[in-house]
Amino acid sequence: MALILIADDSQTEIYVLKKILEKHNHQIITAEDGLQAIEVAQNENPDLIIMDVVMPNLNGFQATRRLSKAAETAHIPIIIVSSKNQETDKLWGMRQGAKGYLGKPVAEVDLIVAIDALLNAEEES
């Protein structure tokens, strides 16, 4: 069981992701924009972050870059889950520090496989 931060400005999307993750016994905390995601990550130290891209105040690319560069949050793997799923978006997201990139609507199996792979990699290091 992991503590996972969902950063998304859509309550519907948070609800869908939360249901999937709770079904797999993960604990969930949420943020509604990139700035709040950074604050919550610094305060709660989640095991993993699921990050949307299109959000107010600070977008997911900017938040991912800040989190992956900051010493206190650089160890937290980030999976971007976004409707911006062109190849250039994926490449840019990975260059910002994301460890995974999935398009919306995300398939439950794809999300769980990505999460498990990153959490298992963390345990081994």
C-alpha atoms as a PDB file:
ATOM      1  CA  MET A   1       0.000   0.000   0.000  1.00  0.00           C
ATOM      2  CA  ALA A   2       1.386   3.374  -1.029  1.00  0.00           C
ATOM      3  CA  LEU A   3       0.479   6.993  -0.352  1.00  0.00           C
ATOM      4  CA  ILE A   4      -0.292   8.529  -3.749  1.00  0.00           C
ATOM      5  CA  LEU A   5      -0.855  12.208  -4.526  1.00  0.00           C
ATOM      6  CA  ILE A   6      -3.310  12.917  -7.346  1.00  0.00           C
ATOM      7  CA  ALA A   7      -2.833  16.417  -8.796  1.00  0.00           C
ATOM      8  CA  ASP A   8      -5.730  17.299 -11.114  1.00  0.00           C
ATOM      9  CA  ASP A   9      -8.132  20.249 -11.376  1.00  0.00           C
ATOM     10  CA  SER A  10     -11.031  17.981 -12.427  1.00  0.00           C
ATOM     11  CA  GLN A  11     -13.027  16.553  -9.525  1.00  0.00           C
ATOM     12  CA  THR A  12     -14.391  13.909 -11.908  1.00  0.00           C
ATOM     13  CA  GLU A  13     -10.881  12.794 -12.852  1.00  0.00           C
ATOM     14  CA  ILE A  14      -9.798  12.733  -9.195  1.00  0.00           C
ATOM     15  CA  TYR A  15     -12.842  10.590  -8.381  1.00  0.00           C
ATOM     16  CA  VAL A  16     -12.091   8.098 -11.182  1.00  0.00           C
ATOM     17  CA  LEU A  17      -8.385   7.812 -10.288  1.00  0.00           C
ATOM     18  CA  LYS A  18      -9.155   7.585  -6.571  1.00  0.00           C
ATOM     19  CA  LYS A  19     -11.593   4.692  -7.134  1.00  0.00           C
ATOM     20  CA  ILE A  20      -9.005   2.769  -9.170  1.00  0.00           C
ATOM     21  CA  LEU A  21      -6.227   3.333  -6.646  1.00  0.00           C
ATOM     22  CA  GLU A  22      -8.322   2.593  -3.549  1.00  0.00           C
ATOM     23  CA  LYS A  23      -9.401  -0.681  -5.177  1.00  0.00           C
ATOM     24  CA  HIS A  24      -5.689  -1.571  -5.219  1.00  0.00           C
ATOM     25  CA  ASN A  25      -5.294  -0.596  -1.532  1.00  0.00           C
ATOM     26  CA  HIS A  26      -3.488   2.699  -2.010  1.00  0.00           C
ATOM     27  CA  GLN A  27      -4.062   5.745   0.196  1.00  0.00           C
ATOM     28  CA  ILE A  28      -4.916   8.952  -1.669  1.00  0.00           C
ATOM     29  CA  ILE A  29      -4.228  12.632  -1.093  1.00  0.00           C
ATOM     30  CA  THR A  30      -5.162  15.281  -3.644  1.00  0.00           C
ATOM     31  CA  ALA A  31      -4.171  18.666  -5.029  1.00  0.00           C
ATOM     32  CA  GLU A  32      -6.144  20.847  -7.447  1.00  0.00           C
ATOM     33  CA  ASP A  33      -3.274  22.611  -9.218  1.00  0.00           C
ATOM     34  CA  GLY A  34       0.494  22.504  -9.636  1.00  0.00           C
ATOM     35  CA  LEU A  35       1.279  24.886  -6.768  1.00  0.00           C
ATOM     36  CA  GLN A  36      -0.858  22.896  -4.354  1.00  0.00           C
ATOM     37  CA  ALA A  37       0.756  19.671  -5.623  1.00  0.00           C
ATOM     38  CA  ILE A  38       4.209  20.984  -4.693  1.00  0.00           C
ATOM     39  CA  GLU A  39       2.998  22.083  -1.254  1.00  0.00           C
ATOM     40  CA  VAL A  40       1.259  18.769  -0.532  1.00  0.00           C
ATOM     41  CA  ALA A  41       4.258  16.761  -1.789  1.00  0.00           C
ATOM     42  CA  GLN A  42       6.615  18.703   0.487  1.00  0.00           C
ATOM     43  CA  ASN A  43       4.340  18.297   3.521  1.00  0.00           C
ATOM     44  CA  GLU A  44       3.110  14.716   3.035  1.00  0.00           C
ATOM     45  CA  ASN A  45       6.053  13.050   1.211  1.00  0.00           C
ATOM     46  CA  PRO A  46       3.919  10.692  -0.927  1.00  0.00           C
ATOM     47  CA  ASP A  47       5.341   7.506  -2.426  1.00  0.00           C
ATOM     48  CA  LEU A  48       4.225   8.545  -5.924  1.00  0.00           C
ATOM     49  CA  ILE A  49       2.497  11.444  -7.711  1.00  0.00           C
ATOM     50  CA  ILE A  50      -0.059  11.284 -10.521  1.00  0.00           C
ATOM     51  CA  MET A  51       0.104  14.656 -12.280  1.00  0.00           C
ATOM     52  CA  ASP A  52      -2.291  16.240 -14.781  1.00  0.00           C
ATOM     53  CA  VAL A  53      -0.799  18.785 -17.211  1.00  0.00           C
ATOM     54  CA  VAL A  54      -3.549  21.326 -17.877  1.00  0.00           C
ATOM     55  CA  MET A  55      -4.156  22.988 -14.482  1.00  0.00           C
ATOM     56  CA  PRO A  56      -4.454  26.575 -13.217  1.00  0.00           C
ATOM     57  CA  ASN A  57      -1.703  28.526 -11.410  1.00  0.00           C
ATOM     58  CA  LEU A  58       1.111  26.134 -12.309  1.00  0.00           C
ATOM     59  CA  ASN A  59       0.735  23.480 -14.996  1.00  0.00           C
ATOM     60  CA  GLY A  60       1.790  19.864 -14.553  1.00  0.00           C
ATOM     61  CA  PHE A  61       4.966  20.232 -16.612  1.00  0.00           C
ATOM     62  CA  GLN A  62       6.118  23.149 -14.433  1.00  0.00           C
ATOM     63  CA  ALA A  63       5.179  21.369 -11.191  1.00  0.00           C
ATOM     64  CA  THR A  64       6.936  18.171 -12.326  1.00  0.00           C
ATOM     65  CA  ARG A  65      10.093  20.121 -13.142  1.00  0.00           C
ATOM     66  CA  ARG A  66      10.103  21.843  -9.740  1.00  0.00           C
ATOM     67  CA  LEU A  67       9.396  18.631  -7.817  1.00  0.00           C
ATOM     68  CA  SER A  68      12.027  16.602  -9.669  1.00  0.00           C
ATOM     69  CA  LYS A  69      14.682  19.315  -9.173  1.00  0.00           C
ATOM     70  CA  ALA A  70      14.026  20.028  -5.464  1.00  0.00           C
ATOM     71  CA  ALA A  71      16.187  17.967  -3.108  1.00  0.00           C
ATOM     72  CA  GLU A  72      13.324  17.153  -0.731  1.00  0.00           C
ATOM     73  CA  THR A  73      10.988  15.830  -3.462  1.00  0.00           C
ATOM     74  CA  ALA A  74      13.324  14.589  -6.221  1.00  0.00           C
ATOM     75  CA  HIS A  75      13.003  10.980  -4.994  1.00  0.00           C
ATOM     76  CA  ILE A  76       9.215  10.898  -5.562  1.00  0.00           C
ATOM     77  CA  PRO A  77       8.338   9.288  -8.915  1.00  0.00           C
ATOM     78  CA  ILE A  78       5.812  11.223 -11.020  1.00  0.00           C
ATOM     79  CA  ILE A  79       3.464   9.746 -13.611  1.00  0.00           C
ATOM     80  CA  ILE A  80       1.841  12.336 -15.859  1.00  0.00           C
ATOM     81  CA  VAL A  81      -1.738  11.408 -16.789  1.00  0.00           C
ATOM     82  CA  SER A  82      -3.018  13.910 -19.334  1.00  0.00           C
ATOM     83  CA  SER A  83      -5.273  14.480 -22.309  1.00  0.00           C
ATOM     84  CA  LYS A  84      -2.186  16.095 -23.893  1.00  0.00           C
ATOM     85  CA  ASN A  85      -0.867  12.816 -25.227  1.00  0.00           C
ATOM     86  CA  GLN A  86       0.989  13.690 -28.412  1.00  0.00           C
ATOM     87  CA  GLU A  87       4.485  12.234 -28.677  1.00  0.00           C
ATOM     88  CA  THR A  88       6.004  15.716 -28.194  1.00  0.00           C
ATOM     89  CA  ASP A  89       3.987  16.137 -24.961  1.00  0.00           C
ATOM     90  CA  LYS A  90       5.257  12.796 -23.674  1.00  0.00           C
ATOM     91  CA  LEU A  91       8.861  13.662 -24.510  1.00  0.00           C
ATOM     92  CA  TRP A  92       8.543  17.066 -22.851  1.00  0.00           C
ATOM     93  CA  GLY A  93       6.973  15.533 -19.754  1.00  0.00           C
ATOM     94  CA  MET A  94       9.791  13.012 -19.408  1.00  0.00           C
ATOM     95  CA  ARG A  95      12.373  15.790 -19.885  1.00  0.00           C
ATOM     96  CA  GLN A  96      10.739  17.648 -16.971  1.00  0.00           C
ATOM     97  CA  GLY A  97      11.419  14.657 -14.723  1.00  0.00           C
ATOM     98  CA  ALA A  98       8.348  12.429 -15.063  1.00  0.00           C
ATOM     99  CA  LYS A  99       9.009   8.687 -14.809  1.00  0.00           C
ATOM    100  CA  GLY A 100       5.889   7.766 -16.791  1.00  0.00           C
ATOM    101  CA  TYR A 101       3.323   9.356 -19.111  1.00  0.00           C
ATOM    102  CA  LEU A 102      -0.172   8.008 -19.793  1.00  0.00           C
ATOM    103  CA  GLY A 103      -2.961   9.517 -21.884  1.00  0.00           C
ATOM    104  CA  LYS A 104      -6.501  10.150 -20.678  1.00  0.00           C
ATOM    105  CA  PRO A 105      -8.763   8.363 -20.336  1.00  0.00           C
ATOM    106  CA  VAL A 106      -6.277   6.097 -18.601  1.00  0.00           C
ATOM    107  CA  ALA A 107      -6.896   2.352 -18.571  1.00  0.00           C
ATOM    108  CA  GLU A 108      -6.841   0.880 -15.059  1.00  0.00           C
ATOM    109  CA  VAL A 109      -4.419  -1.875 -16.035  1.00  0.00           C
ATOM    110  CA  ASP A 110      -1.950   0.594 -17.622  1.00  0.00           C
ATOM    111  CA  LEU A 111      -2.037   2.841 -14.563  1.00  0.00           C
ATOM    112  CA  ILE A 112      -1.544   0.017 -12.065  1.00  0.00           C
ATOM    113  CA  VAL A 113       1.289  -1.537 -14.103  1.00  0.00           C
ATOM    114  CA  ALA A 114       3.068   1.849 -14.264  1.00  0.00           C
ATOM    115  CA  ILE A 115       2.578   2.493 -10.534  1.00  0.00           C
ATOM    116  CA  ASP A 116       3.706  -0.990  -9.503  1.00  0.00           C
ATOM    117  CA  ALA A 117       6.809  -0.780 -11.703  1.00  0.00           C
ATOM    118  CA  LEU A 118       7.848   2.566 -10.173  1.00  0.00           C
ATOM    119  CA  LEU A 119       7.075   1.573  -6.578  1.00  0.00           C
ATOM    120  CA  ASN A 120       8.973  -1.704  -6.984  1.00  0.00           C
ATOM    121  CA  ALA A 121      11.931   0.168  -8.503  1.00  0.00           C
ATOM    122  CA  GLU A 122      11.920   2.491  -5.465  1.00  0.00           C
ATOM    123  CA  GLU A 123      11.968  -0.469  -3.059  1.00  0.00           C
ATOM    124  CA  GLU A 124      14.936  -2.029  -4.846  1.00  0.00           C
ATOM    125  CA  SER A 125      17.068   1.119  -4.779  1.00  0.00           C
END
